[in-house]
Amino acid sequence: MPDSIQERLAGYALALRYEELPHDVVHAAKTRIIDNLGALAGGFFGDASVIARAFAAAQPCPGGATVLGTRMRTAPELAAFVNGTTARFAELNDIYHWYASYEGHPSDTVTPVLAAAEHANASGRELVTAVVLAYEVFQRISDEFPHRDFDNTTFCGIATAVAAGKL
């Protein structure tokens, strides 16, 4: 049974429309996507990335999502894992700093959103909207739950789940 927080997040996600996003927010989301792809390229040959790709190669899924930088398709959640590992490997991703917030890397949401968008055959506008949503949810959770013993990648899972439901 959903609680009030889940209902508020879902309501916010369902109400968010690309056409209502300010131009600077759309531009920022596109910049974050491109930046994340650059970080992914930087981490492509890292040991963890190579291992993750080998793991995905053993589990092909033609109707899944792409392991970026390859022609390989695997389950969307595995593609999100491999691409996220690769994008994070070189530690070139962004960080969220706000007074009294839990600092973290909201860009960790980008590769899971890409995998979900590809799997759902989402449009570019839907992708941008989902990235905006994932960042917003990540940052609000960071603002409201500044607990240092809680790993910020959990926020990414929450934010990505909300964003994937939007697609």
N, C-alpha and C. Protein backbone atom coordinates (compact mmCIF):
# COMPACT_ATOMS: atom_id res chain seq x y z
N MET A 1 0.85 -1.18 0.00
CA MET A 1 0.00 0.00 0.00
C MET A 1 0.89 1.24 0.00
N PRO A 2 0.72 2.12 -0.96
CA PRO A 2 1.58 3.31 -1.01
C PRO A 2 1.32 4.24 0.18
N ASP A 3 2.38 4.85 0.64
CA ASP A 3 2.23 5.84 1.70
C ASP A 3 2.17 7.23 1.07
N SER A 4 2.02 8.25 1.89
CA SER A 4 1.83 9.60 1.35
C SER A 4 3.05 10.10 0.59
N ILE A 5 4.25 9.70 0.98
CA ILE A 5 5.45 10.12 0.26
C ILE A 5 5.47 9.50 -1.13
N GLN A 6 5.17 8.21 -1.21
CA GLN A 6 5.11 7.56 -2.52
C GLN A 6 4.05 8.20 -3.41
N GLU A 7 2.91 8.50 -2.83
CA GLU A 7 1.85 9.12 -3.60
C GLU A 7 2.26 10.51 -4.09
N ARG A 8 2.94 11.28 -3.26
CA ARG A 8 3.40 12.60 -3.67
C ARG A 8 4.43 12.50 -4.79
N LEU A 9 5.39 11.57 -4.65
CA LEU A 9 6.40 11.39 -5.69
C LEU A 9 5.76 10.95 -7.01
N ALA A 10 4.86 9.98 -6.92
CA ALA A 10 4.20 9.50 -8.13
C ALA A 10 3.36 10.60 -8.76
N GLY A 11 2.65 11.36 -7.94
CA GLY A 11 1.85 12.47 -8.47
C GLY A 11 2.71 13.51 -9.16
N TYR A 12 3.83 13.83 -8.53
CA TYR A 12 4.75 14.81 -9.12
C TYR A 12 5.28 14.28 -10.46
N ALA A 13 5.66 13.00 -10.48
CA ALA A 13 6.20 12.40 -11.70
C ALA A 13 5.17 12.42 -12.83
N LEU A 14 3.96 12.08 -12.51
CA LEU A 14 2.92 12.03 -13.53
C LEU A 14 2.53 13.41 -14.05
N ALA A 15 2.70 14.42 -13.23
CA ALA A 15 2.31 15.78 -13.62
C ALA A 15 3.41 16.51 -14.39
N LEU A 16 4.65 16.03 -14.31
CA LEU A 16 5.77 16.73 -14.95
C LEU A 16 5.66 16.60 -16.47
N ARG A 17 5.74 17.71 -17.16
CA ARG A 17 5.61 17.75 -18.61
C ARG A 17 6.79 18.49 -19.23
N TYR A 18 7.35 17.92 -20.29
CA TYR A 18 8.47 18.55 -20.99
C TYR A 18 8.13 19.97 -21.39
N GLU A 19 6.94 20.18 -21.90
CA GLU A 19 6.53 21.49 -22.41
C GLU A 19 6.52 22.56 -21.32
N GLU A 20 6.44 22.15 -20.08
CA GLU A 20 6.40 23.09 -18.96
C GLU A 20 7.76 23.32 -18.32
N LEU A 21 8.78 22.58 -18.78
CA LEU A 21 10.12 22.76 -18.23
C LEU A 21 10.74 24.04 -18.78
N PRO A 22 11.36 24.85 -17.93
CA PRO A 22 12.07 26.03 -18.43
C PRO A 22 13.20 25.62 -19.39
N HIS A 23 13.49 26.47 -20.34
CA HIS A 23 14.52 26.17 -21.34
C HIS A 23 15.87 25.88 -20.69
N ASP A 24 16.23 26.62 -19.63
CA ASP A 24 17.52 26.38 -18.99
C ASP A 24 17.57 25.02 -18.30
N VAL A 25 16.43 24.53 -17.84
CA VAL A 25 16.38 23.19 -17.21
C VAL A 25 16.56 22.11 -18.28
N VAL A 26 15.91 22.29 -19.42
CA VAL A 26 16.07 21.35 -20.53
C VAL A 26 17.53 21.32 -20.97
N HIS A 27 18.12 22.50 -21.11
CA HIS A 27 19.53 22.59 -21.50
C HIS A 27 20.42 21.90 -20.46
N ALA A 28 20.16 22.14 -19.19
CA ALA A 28 20.95 21.51 -18.12
C ALA A 28 20.83 20.00 -18.17
N ALA A 29 19.63 19.48 -18.42
CA ALA A 29 19.44 18.03 -18.49
C ALA A 29 20.22 17.44 -19.66
N LYS A 30 20.15 18.10 -20.80
CA LYS A 30 20.90 17.62 -21.97
C LYS A 30 22.40 17.65 -21.70
N THR A 31 22.85 18.69 -21.03
CA THR A 31 24.27 18.80 -20.68
C THR A 31 24.67 17.65 -19.76
N ARG A 32 23.81 17.31 -18.79
CA ARG A 32 24.12 16.22 -17.86
C ARG A 32 24.19 14.88 -18.58
N ILE A 33 23.32 14.69 -19.56
CA ILE A 33 23.35 13.44 -20.34
C ILE A 33 24.65 13.34 -21.11
N ILE A 34 25.02 14.42 -21.80
CA ILE A 34 26.26 14.43 -22.57
C ILE A 34 27.47 14.25 -21.65
N ASP A 35 27.48 14.94 -20.52
CA ASP A 35 28.57 14.83 -19.56
C ASP A 35 28.71 13.40 -19.07
N ASN A 36 27.58 12.75 -18.79
CA ASN A 36 27.61 11.38 -18.31
C ASN A 36 28.15 10.43 -19.37
N LEU A 37 27.80 10.68 -20.63
CA LEU A 37 28.34 9.85 -21.71
C LEU A 37 29.85 10.05 -21.84
N GLY A 38 30.33 11.27 -21.61
CA GLY A 38 31.77 11.51 -21.61
C GLY A 38 32.46 10.77 -20.48
N ALA A 39 31.85 10.78 -19.30
CA ALA A 39 32.41 10.03 -18.17
C ALA A 39 32.42 8.54 -18.48
N LEU A 40 31.37 8.07 -19.15
CA LEU A 40 31.32 6.66 -19.54
C LEU A 40 32.47 6.32 -20.49
N ALA A 41 32.73 7.19 -21.46
CA ALA A 41 33.85 6.95 -22.38
C ALA A 41 35.17 6.91 -21.61
N GLY A 42 35.30 7.77 -20.61
CA GLY A 42 36.53 7.80 -19.81
C GLY A 42 36.74 6.54 -18.98
N GLY A 43 35.66 5.87 -18.61
CA GLY A 43 35.77 4.67 -17.79
C GLY A 43 35.62 3.37 -18.56
N PHE A 44 35.52 3.46 -19.89
CA PHE A 44 35.19 2.29 -20.69
C PHE A 44 36.17 1.13 -20.53
N PHE A 45 37.46 1.42 -20.43
CA PHE A 45 38.44 0.34 -20.35
C PHE A 45 38.89 0.03 -18.93
N GLY A 46 38.21 0.59 -17.95
CA GLY A 46 38.52 0.29 -16.56
C GLY A 46 38.22 -1.16 -16.24
N ASP A 47 38.97 -1.72 -15.29
CA ASP A 47 38.81 -3.13 -14.95
C ASP A 47 37.37 -3.49 -14.58
N ALA A 48 36.75 -2.69 -13.72
CA ALA A 48 35.38 -2.98 -13.30
C ALA A 48 34.42 -2.92 -14.49
N SER A 49 34.66 -2.02 -15.41
CA SER A 49 33.80 -1.88 -16.59
C SER A 49 33.92 -3.09 -17.50
N VAL A 50 35.13 -3.55 -17.70
CA VAL A 50 35.37 -4.73 -18.54
C VAL A 50 34.70 -5.96 -17.92
N ILE A 51 34.84 -6.11 -16.61
CA ILE A 51 34.21 -7.24 -15.91
C ILE A 51 32.69 -7.16 -16.02
N ALA A 52 32.14 -5.97 -15.83
CA ALA A 52 30.68 -5.80 -15.92
C ALA A 52 30.18 -6.12 -17.32
N ARG A 53 30.90 -5.70 -18.36
CA ARG A 53 30.50 -6.01 -19.73
C ARG A 53 30.56 -7.50 -20.01
N ALA A 54 31.58 -8.17 -19.49
CA ALA A 54 31.69 -9.62 -19.68
C ALA A 54 30.51 -10.34 -19.01
N PHE A 55 30.12 -9.86 -17.85
CA PHE A 55 28.97 -10.42 -17.14
C PHE A 55 27.70 -10.24 -17.97
N ALA A 56 27.51 -9.04 -18.54
CA ALA A 56 26.34 -8.77 -19.37
C ALA A 56 26.36 -9.58 -20.65
N ALA A 57 27.54 -9.79 -21.22
CA ALA A 57 27.65 -10.55 -22.47
C ALA A 57 27.14 -11.98 -22.30
N ALA A 58 27.26 -12.50 -21.09
CA ALA A 58 26.79 -13.85 -20.81
C ALA A 58 25.27 -13.90 -20.64
N GLN A 59 24.61 -12.73 -20.66
CA GLN A 59 23.17 -12.67 -20.46
C GLN A 59 22.51 -11.77 -21.51
N PRO A 60 22.59 -12.16 -22.77
CA PRO A 60 22.02 -11.32 -23.82
C PRO A 60 20.49 -11.25 -23.72
N CYS A 61 19.97 -10.13 -24.16
CA CYS A 61 18.51 -9.93 -24.18
C CYS A 61 18.21 -9.01 -25.37
N PRO A 62 17.87 -9.61 -26.52
CA PRO A 62 17.67 -8.80 -27.73
C PRO A 62 16.65 -7.67 -27.57
N GLY A 63 15.66 -7.83 -26.74
CA GLY A 63 14.66 -6.78 -26.54
C GLY A 63 14.97 -5.88 -25.37
N GLY A 64 16.17 -5.99 -24.83
CA GLY A 64 16.55 -5.22 -23.65
C GLY A 64 17.08 -3.84 -23.99
N ALA A 65 18.16 -3.47 -23.33
CA ALA A 65 18.78 -2.16 -23.52
C ALA A 65 20.25 -2.34 -23.88
N THR A 66 20.81 -1.33 -24.49
CA THR A 66 22.18 -1.39 -25.00
C THR A 66 23.21 -1.15 -23.92
N VAL A 67 24.26 -1.96 -23.95
CA VAL A 67 25.45 -1.67 -23.16
C VAL A 67 26.21 -0.65 -24.01
N LEU A 68 26.25 0.58 -23.54
CA LEU A 68 26.77 1.68 -24.34
C LEU A 68 28.23 1.44 -24.73
N GLY A 69 28.54 1.78 -25.97
CA GLY A 69 29.88 1.58 -26.51
C GLY A 69 30.04 0.21 -27.17
N THR A 70 28.95 -0.57 -27.19
CA THR A 70 28.97 -1.90 -27.79
C THR A 70 27.70 -2.08 -28.62
N ARG A 71 27.58 -3.23 -29.24
CA ARG A 71 26.34 -3.59 -29.93
C ARG A 71 25.52 -4.56 -29.08
N MET A 72 25.98 -4.77 -27.87
CA MET A 72 25.37 -5.74 -26.97
C MET A 72 24.10 -5.18 -26.34
N ARG A 73 23.08 -6.04 -26.27
CA ARG A 73 21.84 -5.70 -25.56
C ARG A 73 21.63 -6.74 -24.47
N THR A 74 21.20 -6.26 -23.33
CA THR A 74 20.96 -7.13 -22.18
C THR A 74 19.73 -6.60 -21.45
N ALA A 75 19.34 -7.25 -20.37
CA ALA A 75 18.19 -6.78 -19.61
C ALA A 75 18.40 -5.32 -19.21
N PRO A 76 17.35 -4.51 -19.20
CA PRO A 76 17.51 -3.08 -18.89
C PRO A 76 18.23 -2.82 -17.56
N GLU A 77 17.90 -3.59 -16.54
CA GLU A 77 18.55 -3.36 -15.25
C GLU A 77 20.03 -3.73 -15.29
N LEU A 78 20.40 -4.73 -16.10
CA LEU A 78 21.80 -5.09 -16.23
C LEU A 78 22.54 -4.05 -17.08
N ALA A 79 21.89 -3.56 -18.13
CA ALA A 79 22.49 -2.48 -18.93
C ALA A 79 22.71 -1.25 -18.06
N ALA A 80 21.74 -0.93 -17.20
CA ALA A 80 21.88 0.21 -16.29
C ALA A 80 23.07 -0.01 -15.35
N PHE A 81 23.22 -1.22 -14.85
CA PHE A 81 24.35 -1.54 -13.97
C PHE A 81 25.69 -1.39 -14.70
N VAL A 82 25.80 -1.99 -15.87
CA VAL A 82 27.06 -1.94 -16.62
C VAL A 82 27.39 -0.50 -17.00
N ASN A 83 26.41 0.21 -17.54
CA ASN A 83 26.65 1.59 -17.98
C ASN A 83 26.93 2.50 -16.78
N GLY A 84 26.24 2.27 -15.68
CA GLY A 84 26.50 3.06 -14.47
C GLY A 84 27.89 2.80 -13.91
N THR A 85 28.29 1.54 -13.90
CA THR A 85 29.64 1.18 -13.44
C THR A 85 30.68 1.86 -14.32
N THR A 86 30.46 1.82 -15.62
CA THR A 86 31.41 2.39 -16.57
C THR A 86 31.47 3.91 -16.43
N ALA A 87 30.32 4.55 -16.31
CA ALA A 87 30.28 6.01 -16.18
C ALA A 87 30.91 6.47 -14.87
N ARG A 88 30.83 5.65 -13.84
CA ARG A 88 31.34 6.03 -12.52
C ARG A 88 32.83 5.72 -12.37
N PHE A 89 33.35 4.82 -13.21
CA PHE A 89 34.71 4.30 -13.00
C PHE A 89 35.77 5.40 -12.94
N ALA A 90 35.73 6.35 -13.84
CA ALA A 90 36.77 7.39 -13.89
C ALA A 90 36.53 8.52 -12.88
N GLU A 91 35.43 8.42 -12.12
CA GLU A 91 35.09 9.45 -11.11
C GLU A 91 35.06 10.86 -11.72
N LEU A 92 34.39 10.97 -12.86
CA LEU A 92 34.25 12.26 -13.54
C LEU A 92 32.83 12.80 -13.43
N ASN A 93 32.03 12.18 -12.58
CA ASN A 93 30.63 12.58 -12.50
C ASN A 93 30.42 13.76 -11.55
N ASP A 94 29.23 14.34 -11.64
CA ASP A 94 28.92 15.53 -10.86
C ASP A 94 28.70 15.20 -9.38
N ILE A 95 28.56 16.25 -8.60
CA ILE A 95 28.24 16.07 -7.18
C ILE A 95 27.27 17.17 -6.77
N TYR A 96 26.35 16.80 -5.92
CA TYR A 96 25.35 17.74 -5.43
C TYR A 96 25.80 18.27 -4.07
N HIS A 97 25.98 19.57 -3.99
CA HIS A 97 26.33 20.26 -2.74
C HIS A 97 25.22 21.24 -2.40
N TRP A 98 24.64 21.11 -1.26
CA TRP A 98 23.68 22.09 -0.79
C TRP A 98 23.77 22.09 0.73
N TYR A 99 23.65 23.24 1.33
CA TYR A 99 23.80 23.35 2.77
C TYR A 99 22.90 22.35 3.48
N ALA A 100 23.47 21.59 4.38
CA ALA A 100 22.79 20.61 5.23
C ALA A 100 22.21 19.43 4.46
N SER A 101 22.56 19.27 3.19
CA SER A 101 22.09 18.13 2.41
C SER A 101 23.12 17.01 2.45
N TYR A 102 22.66 15.86 2.09
CA TYR A 102 23.54 14.72 1.91
C TYR A 102 24.15 14.85 0.53
N GLU A 103 25.44 15.02 0.47
CA GLU A 103 26.09 15.17 -0.82
C GLU A 103 26.06 13.84 -1.57
N GLY A 104 25.94 13.92 -2.86
CA GLY A 104 25.92 12.71 -3.66
C GLY A 104 26.10 13.02 -5.12
N HIS A 105 25.93 12.01 -5.92
CA HIS A 105 26.15 12.10 -7.36
C HIS A 105 24.84 11.85 -8.10
N PRO A 106 24.06 12.91 -8.34
CA PRO A 106 22.79 12.69 -9.03
C PRO A 106 22.96 12.15 -10.45
N SER A 107 24.12 12.33 -11.04
CA SER A 107 24.32 11.79 -12.38
C SER A 107 24.33 10.26 -12.39
N ASP A 108 24.41 9.64 -11.22
CA ASP A 108 24.29 8.18 -11.17
C ASP A 108 22.92 7.72 -11.65
N THR A 109 21.97 8.64 -11.76
CA THR A 109 20.64 8.29 -12.25
C THR A 109 20.56 8.27 -13.78
N VAL A 110 21.52 8.87 -14.46
CA VAL A 110 21.40 9.05 -15.91
C VAL A 110 21.43 7.73 -16.66
N THR A 111 22.37 6.86 -16.40
CA THR A 111 22.44 5.62 -17.18
C THR A 111 21.25 4.70 -16.92
N PRO A 112 20.75 4.59 -15.69
CA PRO A 112 19.51 3.80 -15.53
C PRO A 112 18.33 4.41 -16.28
N VAL A 113 18.23 5.73 -16.28
CA VAL A 113 17.15 6.38 -17.02
C VAL A 113 17.32 6.12 -18.52
N LEU A 114 18.55 6.17 -19.02
CA LEU A 114 18.79 5.87 -20.44
C LEU A 114 18.33 4.45 -20.78
N ALA A 115 18.67 3.49 -19.93
CA ALA A 115 18.28 2.09 -20.18
C ALA A 115 16.76 1.94 -20.16
N ALA A 116 16.12 2.56 -19.18
CA ALA A 116 14.66 2.48 -19.10
C ALA A 116 14.01 3.16 -20.30
N ALA A 117 14.56 4.30 -20.71
CA ALA A 117 14.02 5.03 -21.86
C ALA A 117 14.16 4.21 -23.14
N GLU A 118 15.31 3.60 -23.32
CA GLU A 118 15.50 2.78 -24.52
C GLU A 118 14.53 1.61 -24.51
N HIS A 119 14.44 0.92 -23.40
CA HIS A 119 13.56 -0.24 -23.29
C HIS A 119 12.09 0.13 -23.53
N ALA A 120 11.69 1.32 -23.08
CA ALA A 120 10.31 1.78 -23.23
C ALA A 120 10.07 2.48 -24.57
N ASN A 121 11.11 2.57 -25.41
CA ASN A 121 11.01 3.30 -26.68
C ASN A 121 10.54 4.74 -26.45
N ALA A 122 11.09 5.36 -25.42
CA ALA A 122 10.72 6.73 -25.06
C ALA A 122 11.29 7.71 -26.09
N SER A 123 10.63 8.82 -26.21
CA SER A 123 11.11 9.89 -27.09
C SER A 123 12.25 10.64 -26.40
N GLY A 124 12.92 11.48 -27.14
CA GLY A 124 13.96 12.33 -26.56
C GLY A 124 13.40 13.25 -25.49
N ARG A 125 12.21 13.78 -25.72
CA ARG A 125 11.58 14.66 -24.74
C ARG A 125 11.24 13.89 -23.46
N GLU A 126 10.78 12.66 -23.61
CA GLU A 126 10.49 11.84 -22.43
C GLU A 126 11.78 11.52 -21.67
N LEU A 127 12.86 11.27 -22.41
CA LEU A 127 14.15 11.03 -21.77
C LEU A 127 14.59 12.25 -20.96
N VAL A 128 14.55 13.41 -21.58
CA VAL A 128 14.96 14.64 -20.88
C VAL A 128 14.08 14.87 -19.65
N THR A 129 12.79 14.67 -19.78
CA THR A 129 11.87 14.85 -18.65
C THR A 129 12.21 13.87 -17.53
N ALA A 130 12.52 12.63 -17.88
CA ALA A 130 12.87 11.62 -16.88
C ALA A 130 14.18 11.97 -16.17
N VAL A 131 15.14 12.51 -16.91
CA VAL A 131 16.41 12.93 -16.27
C VAL A 131 16.15 14.08 -15.31
N VAL A 132 15.35 15.04 -15.72
CA VAL A 132 15.00 16.15 -14.84
C VAL A 132 14.32 15.61 -13.58
N LEU A 133 13.40 14.69 -13.76
CA LEU A 133 12.68 14.09 -12.64
C LEU A 133 13.64 13.34 -11.71
N ALA A 134 14.53 12.55 -12.28
CA ALA A 134 15.48 11.80 -11.46
C ALA A 134 16.38 12.73 -10.65
N TYR A 135 16.86 13.79 -11.27
CA TYR A 135 17.69 14.77 -10.55
C TYR A 135 16.89 15.43 -9.43
N GLU A 136 15.67 15.83 -9.74
CA GLU A 136 14.84 16.50 -8.75
C GLU A 136 14.57 15.60 -7.54
N VAL A 137 14.19 14.36 -7.80
CA VAL A 137 13.92 13.44 -6.71
C VAL A 137 15.19 13.17 -5.90
N PHE A 138 16.30 12.93 -6.59
CA PHE A 138 17.57 12.70 -5.90
C PHE A 138 17.91 13.87 -4.98
N GLN A 139 17.81 15.08 -5.51
CA GLN A 139 18.20 16.25 -4.73
C GLN A 139 17.24 16.51 -3.56
N ARG A 140 15.96 16.32 -3.77
CA ARG A 140 15.01 16.53 -2.66
C ARG A 140 15.22 15.49 -1.56
N ILE A 141 15.46 14.24 -1.94
CA ILE A 141 15.73 13.22 -0.92
C ILE A 141 17.02 13.58 -0.19
N SER A 142 18.02 14.03 -0.90
CA SER A 142 19.28 14.46 -0.27
C SER A 142 19.05 15.60 0.70
N ASP A 143 18.17 16.51 0.33
CA ASP A 143 17.87 17.66 1.20
C ASP A 143 17.14 17.24 2.47
N GLU A 144 16.24 16.30 2.34
CA GLU A 144 15.37 15.92 3.46
C GLU A 144 15.92 14.79 4.30
N PHE A 145 16.88 14.06 3.79
CA PHE A 145 17.40 12.90 4.50
C PHE A 145 18.93 12.94 4.53
N PRO A 146 19.51 13.87 5.29
CA PRO A 146 20.97 14.00 5.29
C PRO A 146 21.65 13.03 6.26
N HIS A 147 21.44 11.75 6.06
CA HIS A 147 21.99 10.73 6.95
C HIS A 147 23.27 10.18 6.35
N ARG A 148 24.39 10.43 6.99
CA ARG A 148 25.70 10.07 6.44
C ARG A 148 25.96 8.57 6.35
N ASP A 149 25.19 7.75 7.04
CA ASP A 149 25.41 6.31 6.98
C ASP A 149 24.53 5.64 5.92
N PHE A 150 23.80 6.42 5.18
CA PHE A 150 22.90 5.92 4.14
C PHE A 150 23.55 6.18 2.80
N ASP A 151 23.86 5.14 2.05
CA ASP A 151 24.60 5.29 0.80
C ASP A 151 23.78 6.05 -0.24
N ASN A 152 24.41 7.05 -0.84
CA ASN A 152 23.66 7.88 -1.80
C ASN A 152 23.23 7.14 -3.04
N THR A 153 23.85 6.03 -3.36
CA THR A 153 23.40 5.29 -4.55
C THR A 153 22.01 4.72 -4.34
N THR A 154 21.59 4.56 -3.09
CA THR A 154 20.22 4.15 -2.82
C THR A 154 19.25 5.22 -3.30
N PHE A 155 19.64 6.49 -3.14
CA PHE A 155 18.81 7.58 -3.65
C PHE A 155 18.64 7.43 -5.15
N CYS A 156 19.72 7.03 -5.83
CA CYS A 156 19.65 6.88 -7.28
C CYS A 156 18.64 5.80 -7.65
N GLY A 157 18.64 4.73 -6.90
CA GLY A 157 17.67 3.67 -7.16
C GLY A 157 16.26 4.17 -7.00
N ILE A 158 16.02 4.94 -5.95
CA ILE A 158 14.69 5.51 -5.72
C ILE A 158 14.34 6.48 -6.84
N ALA A 159 15.25 7.38 -7.14
CA ALA A 159 14.99 8.38 -8.18
C ALA A 159 14.78 7.73 -9.53
N THR A 160 15.56 6.70 -9.83
CA THR A 160 15.44 6.03 -11.11
C THR A 160 14.13 5.26 -11.20
N ALA A 161 13.73 4.63 -10.11
CA ALA A 161 12.44 3.91 -10.11
C ALA A 161 11.30 4.87 -10.38
N VAL A 162 11.35 6.03 -9.77
CA VAL A 162 10.30 7.02 -10.01
C VAL A 162 10.35 7.48 -11.47
N ALA A 163 11.55 7.76 -11.95
CA ALA A 163 11.68 8.23 -13.34
C ALA A 163 11.25 7.15 -14.34
N ALA A 164 11.61 5.90 -14.06
CA ALA A 164 11.25 4.82 -14.99
C ALA A 164 9.73 4.66 -15.05
N GLY A 165 9.06 4.90 -13.96
CA GLY A 165 7.60 4.83 -13.96
C GLY A 165 6.98 5.93 -14.80
N LYS A 166 7.74 6.99 -15.00
CA LYS A 166 7.27 8.13 -15.79
C LYS A 166 7.27 7.80 -17.29
N LEU A 167 8.16 6.93 -17.69
CA LEU A 167 8.31 6.66 -19.13
C LEU A 167 7.16 5.82 -19.68
